[in-house]
Amino acid sequence: MQKVKPCLWFNYNADEALDFYSKVFKNFEVTSRSKYGPNMPGPEGALLTAEFRIEDQELMALNAGPAFKFTEAVSIVVYCEDQAEVDHYWEKLTEGGEESMCGWLKDKFGLSWQIVPKRLGELMSSKDAAKGGKVMQALLKMTKLNVKELEEAYNS
């Protein structure tokens, strides 16, 4: 068991979210579920919590109603090998959600994600500060990140 695990609060739609994420990520697994029982604040028999794994990250879903909503203050970062992977996650996670800027988006549940090509870290960590600055300026103009454009900015 992972010692530290993020818990995501859903508005009685955690089942739908888990089904959605299972279609977005090929390495997805629900590892446990608990249900609301009698004399509990949620609908009896409905999902209360679920522990799940996306790739190697363990998370928990709490199906607890409308009291709290997701904000951009917390996001999940997905590091992508290439542009095709960026495109895949961007397309799937924005379905019913909304695009933001600099590789950020909100899915249809309001959860914020950052879809980041691994190449960005390599470009930004250059010892040449001017090149890193050019990459940052290019990134600030993007919605979905474009690896080719980031590399072109680096090499300009």
C-alpha atoms as a PDB file:
ATOM      1  CA  MET A   1       0.000   0.000   0.000  1.00  0.00           C
ATOM      2  CA  GLN A   2       1.233   3.443  -0.917  1.00  0.00           C
ATOM      3  CA  LYS A   3       1.922   5.482   2.250  1.00  0.00           C
ATOM      4  CA  VAL A   4       0.582   8.765   0.847  1.00  0.00           C
ATOM      5  CA  LYS A   5      -2.480   8.606  -1.417  1.00  0.00           C
ATOM      6  CA  PRO A   6      -4.488  11.505  -2.886  1.00  0.00           C
ATOM      7  CA  CYS A   7      -8.218  11.343  -2.171  1.00  0.00           C
ATOM      8  CA  LEU A   8     -10.531  12.841  -4.796  1.00  0.00           C
ATOM      9  CA  TRP A   9     -13.979  14.043  -3.660  1.00  0.00           C
ATOM     10  CA  PHE A  10     -16.732  13.348  -6.199  1.00  0.00           C
ATOM     11  CA  ASN A  11     -20.330  14.573  -6.244  1.00  0.00           C
ATOM     12  CA  TYR A  12     -21.952  11.118  -6.168  1.00  0.00           C
ATOM     13  CA  ASN A  13     -20.502  10.420  -9.627  1.00  0.00           C
ATOM     14  CA  ALA A  14     -17.346   8.490  -8.679  1.00  0.00           C
ATOM     15  CA  ASP A  15     -18.619   5.346 -10.464  1.00  0.00           C
ATOM     16  CA  GLU A  16     -18.930   7.349 -13.671  1.00  0.00           C
ATOM     17  CA  ALA A  17     -15.462   8.872 -13.145  1.00  0.00           C
ATOM     18  CA  LEU A  18     -13.859   5.474 -12.576  1.00  0.00           C
ATOM     19  CA  ASP A  19     -15.479   4.115 -15.722  1.00  0.00           C
ATOM     20  CA  PHE A  20     -14.301   7.191 -17.663  1.00  0.00           C
ATOM     21  CA  TYR A  21     -10.695   6.941 -16.400  1.00  0.00           C
ATOM     22  CA  SER A  22     -10.622   3.200 -17.177  1.00  0.00           C
ATOM     23  CA  LYS A  23     -11.197   4.137 -20.835  1.00  0.00           C
ATOM     24  CA  VAL A  24      -8.581   6.911 -20.837  1.00  0.00           C
ATOM     25  CA  PHE A  25      -5.691   5.015 -19.223  1.00  0.00           C
ATOM     26  CA  LYS A  26      -4.716   1.547 -20.385  1.00  0.00           C
ATOM     27  CA  ASN A  27      -3.000   0.831 -17.052  1.00  0.00           C
ATOM     28  CA  PHE A  28      -5.998   1.431 -14.794  1.00  0.00           C
ATOM     29  CA  GLU A  29      -7.342  -0.770 -12.012  1.00  0.00           C
ATOM     30  CA  VAL A  30      -9.881  -0.397  -9.210  1.00  0.00           C
ATOM     31  CA  THR A  31      -8.326  -2.225  -6.247  1.00  0.00           C
ATOM     32  CA  SER A  32     -11.109  -1.903  -3.663  1.00  0.00           C
ATOM     33  CA  ARG A  33     -14.619  -0.529  -3.181  1.00  0.00           C
ATOM     34  CA  SER A  34     -16.823   0.230  -0.195  1.00  0.00           C
ATOM     35  CA  LYS A  35     -20.547   1.028  -0.211  1.00  0.00           C
ATOM     36  CA  TYR A  36     -22.816   3.268   1.839  1.00  0.00           C
ATOM     37  CA  GLY A  37     -24.677   1.285   4.480  1.00  0.00           C
ATOM     38  CA  PRO A  38     -27.785   2.051   6.515  1.00  0.00           C
ATOM     39  CA  ASN A  39     -27.657   5.178   8.687  1.00  0.00           C
ATOM     40  CA  MET A  40     -24.840   6.674   6.598  1.00  0.00           C
ATOM     41  CA  PRO A  41     -25.091  10.105   4.965  1.00  0.00           C
ATOM     42  CA  GLY A  42     -25.119   8.816   1.367  1.00  0.00           C
ATOM     43  CA  PRO A  43     -27.520   6.652  -0.616  1.00  0.00           C
ATOM     44  CA  GLU A  44     -27.550   3.129   0.824  1.00  0.00           C
ATOM     45  CA  GLY A  45     -25.808   0.662  -1.487  1.00  0.00           C
ATOM     46  CA  ALA A  46     -24.097   3.403  -3.518  1.00  0.00           C
ATOM     47  CA  LEU A  47     -20.325   3.572  -3.831  1.00  0.00           C
ATOM     48  CA  LEU A  48     -18.736   5.308  -0.818  1.00  0.00           C
ATOM     49  CA  THR A  49     -15.034   4.938  -1.632  1.00  0.00           C
ATOM     50  CA  ALA A  50     -12.895   3.264  -4.229  1.00  0.00           C
ATOM     51  CA  GLU A  51      -9.164   2.834  -4.284  1.00  0.00           C
ATOM     52  CA  PHE A  52      -7.708   2.761  -7.760  1.00  0.00           C
ATOM     53  CA  ARG A  53      -4.449   2.861  -9.640  1.00  0.00           C
ATOM     54  CA  ILE A  54      -3.536   4.832 -12.746  1.00  0.00           C
ATOM     55  CA  GLU A  55      -0.186   3.565 -13.998  1.00  0.00           C
ATOM     56  CA  ASP A  56       1.804   3.321 -10.729  1.00  0.00           C
ATOM     57  CA  GLN A  57      -0.115   6.051  -8.883  1.00  0.00           C
ATOM     58  CA  GLU A  58      -2.614   4.976  -6.247  1.00  0.00           C
ATOM     59  CA  LEU A  59      -5.592   7.260  -5.609  1.00  0.00           C
ATOM     60  CA  MET A  60      -8.843   7.147  -3.707  1.00  0.00           C
ATOM     61  CA  ALA A  61     -12.265   8.317  -4.825  1.00  0.00           C
ATOM     62  CA  LEU A  62     -14.684   9.528  -2.157  1.00  0.00           C
ATOM     63  CA  ASN A  63     -18.258   9.640  -3.420  1.00  0.00           C
ATOM     64  CA  ALA A  64     -19.528  12.224  -0.952  1.00  0.00           C
ATOM     65  CA  GLY A  65     -21.839  14.714  -2.646  1.00  0.00           C
ATOM     66  CA  PRO A  66     -21.697  18.389  -3.573  1.00  0.00           C
ATOM     67  CA  ALA A  67     -20.101  19.899  -0.443  1.00  0.00           C
ATOM     68  CA  PHE A  68     -16.660  20.360  -2.069  1.00  0.00           C
ATOM     69  CA  LYS A  69     -15.522  20.863  -5.649  1.00  0.00           C
ATOM     70  CA  PHE A  70     -12.204  20.417  -7.417  1.00  0.00           C
ATOM     71  CA  THR A  71     -10.072  23.513  -8.064  1.00  0.00           C
ATOM     72  CA  GLU A  72      -6.942  24.144 -10.099  1.00  0.00           C
ATOM     73  CA  ALA A  73      -5.021  24.340  -6.822  1.00  0.00           C
ATOM     74  CA  VAL A  74      -4.567  20.573  -7.169  1.00  0.00           C
ATOM     75  CA  SER A  75      -3.902  18.829 -10.470  1.00  0.00           C
ATOM     76  CA  ILE A  76      -2.698  15.466 -11.697  1.00  0.00           C
ATOM     77  CA  VAL A  77       0.320  15.542 -13.988  1.00  0.00           C
ATOM     78  CA  VAL A  78       0.605  13.001 -16.800  1.00  0.00           C
ATOM     79  CA  TYR A  79       4.120  12.780 -18.256  1.00  0.00           C
ATOM     80  CA  CYS A  80       3.964  11.751 -21.912  1.00  0.00           C
ATOM     81  CA  GLU A  81       6.615  10.055 -24.016  1.00  0.00           C
ATOM     82  CA  ASP A  82       5.758  11.851 -27.251  1.00  0.00           C
ATOM     83  CA  GLN A  83       3.257  14.056 -29.065  1.00  0.00           C
ATOM     84  CA  ALA A  84       0.997  11.110 -29.866  1.00  0.00           C
ATOM     85  CA  GLU A  85       0.609  10.398 -26.162  1.00  0.00           C
ATOM     86  CA  VAL A  86      -0.009  14.101 -25.410  1.00  0.00           C
ATOM     87  CA  ASP A  87      -2.678  14.121 -28.110  1.00  0.00           C
ATOM     88  CA  HIS A  88      -4.309  10.933 -26.758  1.00  0.00           C
ATOM     89  CA  TYR A  89      -4.667  12.144 -23.176  1.00  0.00           C
ATOM     90  CA  TRP A  90      -5.658  15.654 -24.251  1.00  0.00           C
ATOM     91  CA  GLU A  91      -8.409  14.374 -26.529  1.00  0.00           C
ATOM     92  CA  LYS A  92      -9.779  11.869 -24.005  1.00  0.00           C
ATOM     93  CA  LEU A  93      -9.620  14.048 -20.884  1.00  0.00           C
ATOM     94  CA  THR A  94     -11.092  17.171 -22.501  1.00  0.00           C
ATOM     95  CA  GLU A  95     -14.109  15.165 -23.721  1.00  0.00           C
ATOM     96  CA  GLY A  96     -16.937  16.897 -21.868  1.00  0.00           C
ATOM     97  CA  GLY A  97     -14.387  19.032 -20.017  1.00  0.00           C
ATOM     98  CA  GLU A  98     -12.495  22.179 -20.913  1.00  0.00           C
ATOM     99  CA  GLU A  99      -9.092  23.221 -22.167  1.00  0.00           C
ATOM    100  CA  SER A 100      -7.005  25.685 -20.210  1.00  0.00           C
ATOM    101  CA  MET A 101      -3.507  26.949 -20.906  1.00  0.00           C
ATOM    102  CA  CYS A 102       0.057  25.642 -20.765  1.00  0.00           C
ATOM    103  CA  GLY A 103      -0.974  21.983 -20.968  1.00  0.00           C
ATOM    104  CA  TRP A 104      -3.696  22.236 -18.298  1.00  0.00           C
ATOM    105  CA  LEU A 105      -7.253  21.010 -18.701  1.00  0.00           C
ATOM    106  CA  LYS A 106     -10.282  20.108 -16.624  1.00  0.00           C
ATOM    107  CA  ASP A 107     -12.058  16.845 -17.254  1.00  0.00           C
ATOM    108  CA  LYS A 108     -15.855  16.559 -17.203  1.00  0.00           C
ATOM    109  CA  PHE A 109     -15.771  16.049 -13.418  1.00  0.00           C
ATOM    110  CA  GLY A 110     -13.875  19.314 -12.863  1.00  0.00           C
ATOM    111  CA  LEU A 111     -10.576  17.598 -11.979  1.00  0.00           C
ATOM    112  CA  SER A 112      -7.516  19.461 -13.303  1.00  0.00           C
ATOM    113  CA  TRP A 113      -4.839  17.627 -15.252  1.00  0.00           C
ATOM    114  CA  GLN A 114      -1.505  18.704 -16.706  1.00  0.00           C
ATOM    115  CA  ILE A 115      -0.579  16.829 -19.875  1.00  0.00           C
ATOM    116  CA  VAL A 116       3.167  17.291 -20.186  1.00  0.00           C
ATOM    117  CA  PRO A 117       5.638  15.844 -22.676  1.00  0.00           C
ATOM    118  CA  LYS A 118       8.767  14.569 -20.912  1.00  0.00           C
ATOM    119  CA  ARG A 119      10.738  16.513 -23.516  1.00  0.00           C
ATOM    120  CA  LEU A 120       9.583  19.773 -21.899  1.00  0.00           C
ATOM    121  CA  GLY A 121      11.599  19.032 -18.767  1.00  0.00           C
ATOM    122  CA  GLU A 122      14.686  18.344 -20.846  1.00  0.00           C
ATOM    123  CA  LEU A 123      14.281  21.591 -22.762  1.00  0.00           C
ATOM    124  CA  MET A 124      13.552  23.672 -19.659  1.00  0.00           C
ATOM    125  CA  SER A 125      16.533  22.306 -17.739  1.00  0.00           C
ATOM    126  CA  SER A 126      19.025  23.521 -20.331  1.00  0.00           C
ATOM    127  CA  LYS A 127      22.140  25.180 -18.969  1.00  0.00           C
ATOM    128  CA  ASP A 128      21.475  27.922 -21.512  1.00  0.00           C
ATOM    129  CA  ALA A 129      18.978  30.165 -19.684  1.00  0.00           C
ATOM    130  CA  ALA A 130      18.086  32.029 -22.889  1.00  0.00           C
ATOM    131  CA  LYS A 131      16.983  28.771 -24.548  1.00  0.00           C
ATOM    132  CA  GLY A 132      14.910  27.841 -21.499  1.00  0.00           C
ATOM    133  CA  GLY A 133      13.344  31.307 -21.626  1.00  0.00           C
ATOM    134  CA  LYS A 134      12.386  30.838 -25.281  1.00  0.00           C
ATOM    135  CA  VAL A 135      10.758  27.514 -24.451  1.00  0.00           C
ATOM    136  CA  MET A 136       8.821  29.151 -21.605  1.00  0.00           C
ATOM    137  CA  GLN A 137       7.598  31.935 -23.896  1.00  0.00           C
ATOM    138  CA  ALA A 138       6.400  29.364 -26.427  1.00  0.00           C
ATOM    139  CA  LEU A 139       4.714  27.295 -23.698  1.00  0.00           C
ATOM    140  CA  LEU A 140       2.828  30.329 -22.365  1.00  0.00           C
ATOM    141  CA  LYS A 141       1.127  30.745 -25.763  1.00  0.00           C
ATOM    142  CA  MET A 142      -0.076  27.141 -25.940  1.00  0.00           C
ATOM    143  CA  THR A 143      -3.194  25.359 -24.797  1.00  0.00           C
ATOM    144  CA  LYS A 144      -2.271  21.740 -25.586  1.00  0.00           C
ATOM    145  CA  LEU A 145       1.524  21.431 -25.557  1.00  0.00           C
ATOM    146  CA  ASN A 146       3.213  20.859 -28.896  1.00  0.00           C
ATOM    147  CA  VAL A 147       6.612  19.149 -28.684  1.00  0.00           C
ATOM    148  CA  LYS A 148       7.744  20.262 -32.162  1.00  0.00           C
ATOM    149  CA  GLU A 149       6.976  23.918 -31.405  1.00  0.00           C
ATOM    150  CA  LEU A 150       8.741  23.716 -28.037  1.00  0.00           C
ATOM    151  CA  GLU A 151      11.821  22.244 -29.731  1.00  0.00           C
ATOM    152  CA  GLU A 152      11.698  24.920 -32.433  1.00  0.00           C
ATOM    153  CA  ALA A 153      11.608  27.616 -29.753  1.00  0.00           C
ATOM    154  CA  TYR A 154      14.582  25.995 -28.038  1.00  0.00           C
ATOM    155  CA  ASN A 155      16.575  25.851 -31.276  1.00  0.00           C
ATOM    156  CA  SER A 156      15.699  29.375 -32.492  1.00  0.00           C
END
